[in-house]
Every structure is written in C-alpha cells, then in structure tokens.
C-alpha cells in the first residue's frame, strides 16, 4: 500500500514511473519525461503488487491513446497468460461418481456456483431442461474433450454437433503453455462522463492472467456443453488461452493494512479491482453501477462481484487502455 511521507514527491513519482533512479530500481522508456510527479495521485497502481513470475518483463511506460481518444501515458504490462503461483485445473470430472475434488465449478449468472461433480452431471436436465446427457450410460464415464481437436471443435461458437453433450476442457499445452498478452493501462485514470459497457477483457490480475468479460453461458448451454472452470474461476480457450471469468479468492493476493478488501488486479482504465468482501467478511454496499467507489487511501476503485454473477465489474468508470495478444 502506498503511503505519503516526507519523500512524498519521490513516492508519487515512483508509483508512476516504477522507481526511477532517484528512488531506486525499475525501468521506463523515454516517455517517462511526460509524467508529472503529481499526475497519478488518483492511481493505486504499483509494479510491486504483482507477484513473482506474473510478468514477462519489467513494467515500463509509453505514450498511448485511450478508448475515448485521450493521448496520455500508459504502463506497459506484459503477462505470460498463466497463474504464476499455481497449476490450473481440474475442470471436468471423469465419471458420474466423482466428488467435487475431481472437477471444477460452473456458474451461469444466476448467482449460484455449482461444483462440477458426478451429481451435477446427472442433474443437468433438472437445471436446464431436457436433452442433457454428458456421460455414457453403460460406463458412467463423462464425455470430456481430451484432445486439442476436440477442444477446438467444442469451444468454438458454432460447436461441432459431435461434441454436444460434452464437458469442455482444454490444456495449456494447446496454446504453447499460455498466451502472452500486453496491457496498456493509463498511469493516471481518466474518468468518463458516462460509464462504458464491457465488451472485451476487463483487466489483469496480480498473478499474471487476463480478467475476461462475462462467459457466454447462454451460447454454451444452448449447445448442450459445460465449459468447465477450475476452482479459481478460470479456464482455457484454445484461441485466447487461460483467463478468469470470476473471482473466487485465488487472485486476491494483496491484503490491505486497514482491513479493506484485498487487491486482485487492475482494470484497463487504471483503477484497482478489489475483492467483494473485506477482511471481516463484509461487502461494501455503497457502490455505483460499475461496482466502484472512492476512499482516501485507494481513490476510486472497484469491488468484484460474486462468482455466481459471472462478472467482475459492471462497467468501466474510466477511459480504457488497450490489450494485444501474442502466442506464448
């Protein structure tokens, strides 16, 4: 957590340019000269919040153009596209007798989070109507996409009919171990007059993974598939790699000294995204339509929704930076 001291100017400057030589460490490019020492007093961004291994290179700064046309300075954040502190999975259970430890979770936006175990597989028709049978009646084995070809055929929008009634899981091996992504996040957030809808990735986590928009659960269910998430709310797309669709506690890695909810990442508009619940288990209720509010320590920031809501935040409060992808 950043705190003001007698070295206020140095600390503020370091929060923007990531510890210039006057303050020690970090790297920037020539655009750092564009940054005012007081330009980011409303930003909570700090390179040191990212855990070891989350970033492929030191964070730098560069000139960027935000979503509404503002030309400013952005942090360049490059991630590997996989969690730095854990293995992913499991996703689909092997059989209708499997318990919750053998599978991941599923959520459809209704507010519920389901363990993908044998009972869940058996009761899909009760949840979503007739036509469901994700298992072999004779053996009790669950239909799972266990090859790259099957993954790609079942995970695309127009699901191959041969893979309807499948539990869909994909391996990081199919995407070279992860899809590297570069985020440009404004060093000084620029608030919008009217909030913007979320039509692409929301931002990035402290463990080096993209925060995706709401999962297209209606399309998934409409094809009689379950695109399983692991217990951390993430899964692998064969084109975009591993990404999160919900906050379940795995990414809430930066605790706050005042008991405020832990920091889990940053939105593309530069504002911090914190957990839904604080250290005492209480949810902040005075949030705007984007699930944000302000305090003296963190400025404007968001609080993530529950996993069952299939979202992180409701909208963008500020102009967004950009994101690009390269196969890792």
Protein backbone atom coordinates (compact mmCIF):
# COMPACT_ATOMS: atom_id res chain seq x y z
CA UNK A 1 0.00 0.00 0.00
CA UNK A 2 1.33 3.44 -0.93
CA UNK A 3 1.66 5.88 1.97
CA UNK A 4 2.66 9.53 1.93
CA UNK A 5 5.80 10.52 3.84
CA UNK A 6 8.44 13.19 3.87
CA UNK A 7 9.50 11.76 0.49
CA UNK A 8 6.05 12.39 -1.00
CA UNK A 9 7.23 13.62 -4.37
CA UNK A 10 9.64 10.73 -4.83
CA UNK A 11 6.99 8.14 -3.89
CA UNK A 12 4.36 9.63 -6.15
CA UNK A 13 6.81 9.74 -8.99
CA UNK A 14 7.85 6.14 -8.37
CA UNK A 15 4.22 4.99 -8.45
CA UNK A 16 4.08 6.36 -12.00
CA UNK A 17 7.49 5.51 -13.41
CA UNK A 18 8.22 2.50 -11.21
CA UNK A 19 11.05 3.66 -9.07
CA UNK A 20 13.27 5.96 -11.10
CA UNK A 21 16.94 6.20 -10.24
CA UNK A 22 16.22 8.80 -7.57
CA UNK A 23 14.12 6.25 -5.74
CA UNK A 24 15.85 3.04 -6.92
CA UNK A 25 15.11 0.13 -9.32
CA UNK A 26 12.57 -0.40 -12.13
CA UNK A 27 12.62 0.53 -15.81
CA UNK A 28 10.93 3.11 -18.00
CA UNK A 29 11.35 4.28 -21.56
CA UNK A 30 11.89 7.81 -22.84
CA UNK A 31 8.21 8.71 -22.41
CA UNK A 32 8.69 8.84 -18.62
CA UNK A 33 9.55 12.50 -19.06
CA UNK A 34 5.89 13.08 -19.94
CA UNK A 35 4.79 12.09 -16.45
CA UNK A 36 4.19 14.75 -13.83
CA UNK A 37 5.22 13.83 -10.24
CA UNK A 38 1.63 14.51 -9.13
CA UNK A 39 -0.20 13.13 -12.17
CA UNK A 40 -1.21 9.84 -10.56
CA UNK A 41 -2.41 10.76 -7.09
CA UNK A 42 -5.70 9.04 -8.00
CA UNK A 43 -3.96 5.85 -9.15
CA UNK A 44 -3.27 2.88 -6.90
CA UNK A 45 -1.15 1.08 -9.48
CA UNK A 46 2.25 -0.20 -8.37
CA UNK A 47 4.54 -2.73 -10.07
CA UNK A 48 5.44 -4.29 -6.72
CA UNK A 49 1.86 -5.52 -6.26
CA UNK A 50 2.35 -8.16 -8.99
CA UNK A 51 3.68 -11.43 -7.61
CA UNK A 52 6.94 -13.00 -8.72
CA UNK A 53 6.62 -14.65 -12.12
CA UNK A 54 3.43 -12.82 -13.12
CA UNK A 55 5.19 -10.54 -15.62
CA UNK A 56 7.35 -11.44 -18.61
CA UNK A 57 9.26 -8.17 -18.44
CA UNK A 58 9.68 -5.15 -16.19
CA UNK A 59 6.80 -2.69 -16.39
CA UNK A 60 7.63 0.38 -18.46
CA UNK A 61 5.71 3.42 -19.69
CA UNK A 62 4.83 4.63 -23.15
CA UNK A 63 2.59 7.10 -24.93
CA UNK A 64 -0.86 5.68 -25.61
CA UNK A 65 -4.31 6.67 -26.85
CA UNK A 66 -7.24 5.69 -24.62
CA UNK A 67 -10.65 4.45 -25.72
CA UNK A 68 -12.21 7.92 -25.95
CA UNK A 69 -9.24 9.49 -27.71
CA UNK A 70 -7.22 10.90 -24.80
CA UNK A 71 -3.48 10.81 -25.55
CA UNK A 72 -1.62 10.10 -22.33
CA UNK A 73 0.96 7.80 -20.77
CA UNK A 74 0.30 4.12 -20.08
CA UNK A 75 2.01 1.38 -18.16
CA UNK A 76 3.04 -1.50 -20.41
CA UNK A 77 2.22 -4.74 -18.59
CA UNK A 78 3.25 -7.99 -20.29
CA UNK A 79 1.97 -11.30 -18.86
CA UNK A 80 2.55 -14.94 -19.74
CA UNK A 81 -1.13 -15.87 -19.57
CA UNK A 82 -1.00 -18.44 -16.80
CA UNK A 83 -1.07 -18.15 -12.99
CA UNK A 84 2.39 -17.52 -11.56
CA UNK A 85 1.70 -19.27 -8.26
CA UNK A 86 -0.27 -22.45 -9.03
CA UNK A 87 -1.23 -25.11 -11.55
CA UNK A 88 -4.59 -24.79 -13.28
CA UNK A 89 -7.50 -27.26 -13.06
CA UNK A 90 -9.08 -29.66 -12.51
CA UNK A 91 -12.02 -28.92 -14.81
CA UNK A 92 -14.24 -31.87 -15.82
CA UNK A 93 -14.89 -34.86 -13.54
CA UNK A 94 -14.06 -38.28 -15.02
CA UNK A 95 -17.29 -40.05 -14.03
CA UNK A 96 -20.75 -39.69 -12.54
CA UNK A 97 -19.39 -40.98 -9.22
CA UNK A 98 -16.71 -38.25 -8.97
CA UNK A 99 -16.73 -35.90 -6.00
CA UNK A 100 -16.06 -32.16 -6.00
CA UNK A 101 -12.29 -32.57 -5.72
CA UNK A 102 -12.16 -34.20 -9.16
CA UNK A 103 -13.82 -31.34 -11.05
CA UNK A 104 -14.04 -27.59 -11.10
CA UNK A 105 -17.00 -25.23 -10.88
CA UNK A 106 -19.74 -23.84 -13.10
CA UNK A 107 -21.76 -20.62 -12.88
CA UNK A 108 -24.42 -19.30 -15.23
CA UNK A 109 -25.07 -15.76 -13.95
CA UNK A 110 -27.99 -16.81 -11.75
CA UNK A 111 -25.97 -16.24 -8.58
CA UNK A 112 -25.29 -19.91 -7.96
CA UNK A 113 -21.89 -21.60 -8.12
CA UNK A 114 -22.03 -25.34 -8.74
CA UNK A 115 -19.36 -27.95 -8.07
CA UNK A 116 -18.89 -29.98 -11.24
CA UNK A 117 -19.09 -33.40 -9.68
CA UNK A 118 -20.96 -36.56 -10.62
CA UNK A 119 -24.23 -35.35 -9.15
CA UNK A 120 -24.04 -32.12 -11.16
CA UNK A 121 -23.54 -34.11 -14.38
CA UNK A 122 -26.50 -36.36 -13.53
CA UNK A 123 -28.83 -33.45 -12.74
CA UNK A 124 -28.19 -31.14 -15.71
CA UNK A 125 -31.64 -31.84 -17.16
CA UNK A 126 -33.19 -30.72 -13.87
CA UNK A 127 -31.23 -27.47 -14.02
CA UNK A 128 -31.53 -26.67 -17.71
CA UNK A 129 -34.29 -28.84 -19.21
CA UNK A 130 -34.38 -31.97 -21.33
CA UNK A 131 -31.72 -33.01 -23.82
CA UNK A 132 -28.78 -33.31 -21.46
CA UNK A 133 -26.64 -36.42 -21.07
CA UNK A 134 -22.93 -35.68 -20.63
CA UNK A 135 -21.99 -39.28 -19.84
CA UNK A 136 -22.01 -42.81 -21.16
CA UNK A 137 -24.90 -44.71 -19.59
CA UNK A 138 -23.11 -48.03 -19.84
CA UNK A 139 -19.85 -46.96 -18.19
CA UNK A 140 -20.75 -43.84 -16.23
CA UNK A 141 -17.79 -42.01 -17.77
CA UNK A 142 -18.25 -38.31 -18.51
CA UNK A 143 -17.85 -37.13 -22.10
CA UNK A 144 -14.74 -34.89 -21.90
CA UNK A 145 -12.79 -33.13 -24.65
CA UNK A 146 -9.40 -34.76 -24.07
CA UNK A 147 -7.63 -33.78 -27.32
CA UNK A 148 -6.78 -30.48 -28.98
CA UNK A 149 -9.05 -31.26 -31.91
CA UNK A 150 -11.97 -31.97 -29.59
CA UNK A 151 -11.26 -28.84 -27.55
CA UNK A 152 -11.24 -26.63 -30.65
CA UNK A 153 -14.39 -28.23 -32.05
CA UNK A 154 -16.34 -27.84 -28.79
CA UNK A 155 -15.07 -24.43 -27.67
CA UNK A 156 -15.91 -22.51 -30.83
CA UNK A 157 -19.17 -20.50 -31.09
CA UNK A 158 -20.65 -22.95 -33.64
CA UNK A 159 -19.98 -26.10 -31.65
CA UNK A 160 -19.42 -29.20 -33.75
CA UNK A 161 -22.61 -31.28 -33.20
CA UNK A 162 -20.40 -34.28 -32.45
CA UNK A 163 -19.33 -32.54 -29.25
CA UNK A 164 -22.70 -31.53 -27.93
CA UNK A 165 -23.32 -33.09 -24.52
CA UNK A 166 -19.64 -32.78 -23.62
CA UNK A 167 -17.84 -31.26 -20.68
CA UNK A 168 -15.32 -28.98 -22.36
CA UNK A 169 -11.79 -28.65 -21.06
CA UNK A 170 -8.61 -27.60 -22.84
CA UNK A 171 -4.93 -27.82 -21.95
CA UNK A 172 -2.38 -25.03 -21.78
CA UNK A 173 -0.23 -27.29 -23.95
CA UNK A 174 -2.59 -26.48 -26.84
CA UNK A 175 -1.51 -22.81 -26.65
CA UNK A 176 2.19 -23.29 -26.05
CA UNK A 177 1.87 -23.10 -22.28
CA UNK A 178 -0.01 -19.78 -22.29
CA UNK A 179 -0.92 -16.82 -24.47
CA UNK A 180 1.23 -13.77 -23.77
CA UNK A 181 -0.72 -10.52 -23.55
CA UNK A 182 0.37 -6.89 -23.40
CA UNK A 183 -1.84 -4.46 -21.50
CA UNK A 184 -1.58 -0.68 -21.81
CA UNK A 185 -3.06 0.77 -18.61
CA UNK A 186 -3.25 4.55 -18.08
CA UNK A 187 -0.86 5.88 -15.45
CA UNK A 188 -3.43 8.49 -14.48
CA UNK A 189 -7.02 7.23 -14.89
CA UNK A 190 -9.36 9.46 -16.91
CA UNK A 191 -12.97 9.29 -15.69
CA UNK A 192 -15.74 9.10 -18.27
CA UNK A 193 -18.78 11.34 -18.24
CA UNK A 194 -20.91 8.22 -18.76
CA UNK A 195 -19.69 4.71 -17.89
CA UNK A 196 -18.73 2.41 -20.76
CA UNK A 197 -20.04 -1.09 -21.38
CA UNK A 198 -17.65 -4.03 -21.08
CA UNK A 199 -17.19 -5.67 -24.48
CA UNK A 200 -13.69 -7.07 -24.10
CA UNK A 201 -11.23 -8.05 -21.39
CA UNK A 202 -11.67 -6.22 -18.09
CA UNK A 203 -8.04 -6.09 -16.99
CA UNK A 204 -5.25 -8.12 -15.45
CA UNK A 205 -4.67 -9.96 -12.16
CA UNK A 206 -1.71 -9.79 -9.82
CA UNK A 207 -0.82 -13.38 -10.74
CA UNK A 208 -0.49 -12.57 -14.44
CA UNK A 209 -3.80 -13.60 -16.01
CA UNK A 210 -6.40 -11.70 -18.03
CA UNK A 211 -9.75 -10.84 -16.46
CA UNK A 212 -12.26 -11.78 -19.15
CA UNK A 213 -15.77 -10.40 -19.65
CA UNK A 214 -18.82 -12.44 -18.73
CA UNK A 215 -18.69 -16.01 -20.05
CA UNK A 216 -21.23 -16.56 -22.88
CA UNK A 217 -23.17 -19.06 -20.81
CA UNK A 218 -26.35 -18.92 -22.88
CA UNK A 219 -24.48 -19.95 -26.01
CA UNK A 220 -22.60 -22.65 -24.09
CA UNK A 221 -25.77 -24.11 -22.62
CA UNK A 222 -27.57 -23.77 -25.94
CA UNK A 223 -25.08 -26.23 -27.41
CA UNK A 224 -25.51 -28.71 -24.55
CA UNK A 225 -21.98 -28.16 -23.31
CA UNK A 226 -20.45 -27.16 -20.00
CA UNK A 227 -17.27 -25.10 -20.44
CA UNK A 228 -15.85 -26.02 -17.06
CA UNK A 229 -13.99 -23.52 -14.87
CA UNK A 230 -11.43 -24.57 -12.30
CA UNK A 231 -11.98 -23.65 -8.65
CA UNK A 232 -10.29 -20.29 -9.28
CA UNK A 233 -12.88 -19.29 -11.90
CA UNK A 234 -10.64 -19.74 -14.93
CA UNK A 235 -10.47 -21.97 -17.98
CA UNK A 236 -8.52 -22.38 -21.21
CA UNK A 237 -9.87 -21.15 -24.52
CA UNK A 238 -7.95 -22.66 -27.48
CA UNK A 239 -7.59 -19.22 -29.04
CA UNK A 240 -7.20 -16.90 -26.04
CA UNK A 241 -5.51 -19.20 -23.54
CA UNK A 242 -6.21 -19.31 -19.82
CA UNK A 243 -8.26 -16.46 -18.36
CA UNK A 244 -10.56 -15.75 -15.41
CA UNK A 245 -14.31 -15.23 -15.54
CA UNK A 246 -14.82 -14.80 -11.79
CA UNK A 247 -13.10 -14.02 -8.54
CA UNK A 248 -13.16 -16.95 -6.10
CA UNK A 249 -10.31 -15.95 -3.77
CA UNK A 250 -7.30 -17.27 -5.68
CA UNK A 251 -6.36 -13.88 -7.15
CA UNK A 252 -6.94 -11.74 -4.06
CA UNK A 253 -3.23 -11.53 -3.29
CA UNK A 254 -2.57 -8.06 -1.89
CA UNK A 255 -4.08 -7.62 1.59
CA UNK A 256 -4.75 -4.13 2.91
CA UNK A 257 -3.42 -2.93 6.28
CA UNK A 258 -6.72 -1.24 7.15
CA UNK A 259 -8.81 -4.40 6.66
CA UNK A 260 -10.19 -3.24 3.32
CA UNK A 261 -10.87 -5.96 0.75
CA UNK A 262 -7.71 -7.34 -0.87
CA UNK A 263 -6.47 -6.14 -4.23
CA UNK A 264 -6.78 -8.71 -7.03
CA UNK A 265 -5.80 -6.73 -10.13
CA UNK A 266 -6.29 -3.65 -12.28
CA UNK A 267 -8.93 -2.74 -14.82
CA UNK A 268 -7.98 -1.49 -18.28
CA UNK A 269 -8.96 2.03 -17.19
CA UNK A 270 -6.27 2.04 -14.48
CA UNK A 271 -8.47 1.64 -11.43
CA UNK A 272 -7.81 -1.15 -8.93
CA UNK A 273 -10.16 -4.11 -8.61
CA UNK A 274 -10.54 -5.41 -5.07
CA UNK A 275 -12.30 -8.44 -3.63
CA UNK A 276 -16.01 -8.33 -2.86
CA UNK A 277 -15.54 -8.88 0.89
CA UNK A 278 -13.25 -7.12 3.35
CA UNK A 279 -11.08 -8.82 5.97
CA UNK A 280 -14.09 -9.11 8.30
CA UNK A 281 -16.27 -10.72 5.64
CA UNK A 282 -18.42 -7.67 4.91
CA UNK A 283 -19.38 -6.43 1.45
CA UNK A 284 -19.21 -2.74 0.59
CA UNK A 285 -22.76 -1.67 -0.21
CA UNK A 286 -22.31 1.95 -1.35
CA UNK A 287 -21.12 1.08 -4.85
CA UNK A 288 -22.03 2.73 -8.14
CA UNK A 289 -23.32 0.91 -11.24
CA UNK A 290 -19.77 -0.15 -12.14
CA UNK A 291 -19.28 -1.61 -8.64
CA UNK A 292 -16.94 1.21 -7.70
CA UNK A 293 -16.49 3.90 -5.06
CA UNK A 294 -13.73 6.08 -3.59
CA UNK A 295 -11.78 6.26 -0.36
CA UNK A 296 -8.84 8.38 0.80
CA UNK A 297 -6.28 5.56 0.57
CA UNK A 298 -7.10 3.98 -2.79
CA UNK A 299 -9.02 6.70 -4.61
CA UNK A 300 -11.70 5.42 -6.98
CA UNK A 301 -11.65 1.62 -7.25
CA UNK A 302 -13.87 -1.37 -7.95
CA UNK A 303 -15.09 -4.30 -5.88
CA UNK A 304 -15.56 -7.57 -7.72
CA UNK A 305 -18.96 -9.20 -7.93
CA UNK A 306 -19.54 -12.72 -6.62
CA UNK A 307 -18.52 -15.63 -8.85
CA UNK A 308 -22.15 -16.65 -9.31
CA UNK A 309 -22.88 -13.35 -11.06
CA UNK A 310 -20.49 -14.23 -13.94
CA UNK A 311 -18.73 -10.86 -13.87
CA UNK A 312 -16.05 -8.81 -12.18
CA UNK A 313 -17.33 -5.24 -12.53
CA UNK A 314 -20.47 -3.74 -14.01
CA UNK A 315 -18.92 -1.21 -16.41
CA UNK A 316 -15.83 0.93 -16.97
CA UNK A 317 -15.68 4.13 -14.92
CA UNK A 318 -12.78 5.47 -16.97
CA UNK A 319 -11.29 5.51 -20.45
CA UNK A 320 -9.64 2.18 -21.19
CA UNK A 321 -6.20 1.37 -22.41
CA UNK A 322 -5.68 -1.47 -24.85
CA UNK A 323 -4.60 -5.10 -24.93
CA UNK A 324 -2.81 -7.17 -27.54
CA UNK A 325 -2.05 -10.87 -27.71
CA UNK A 326 0.85 -12.93 -28.95
CA UNK A 327 1.03 -16.70 -28.87
CA UNK A 328 3.23 -17.77 -25.94
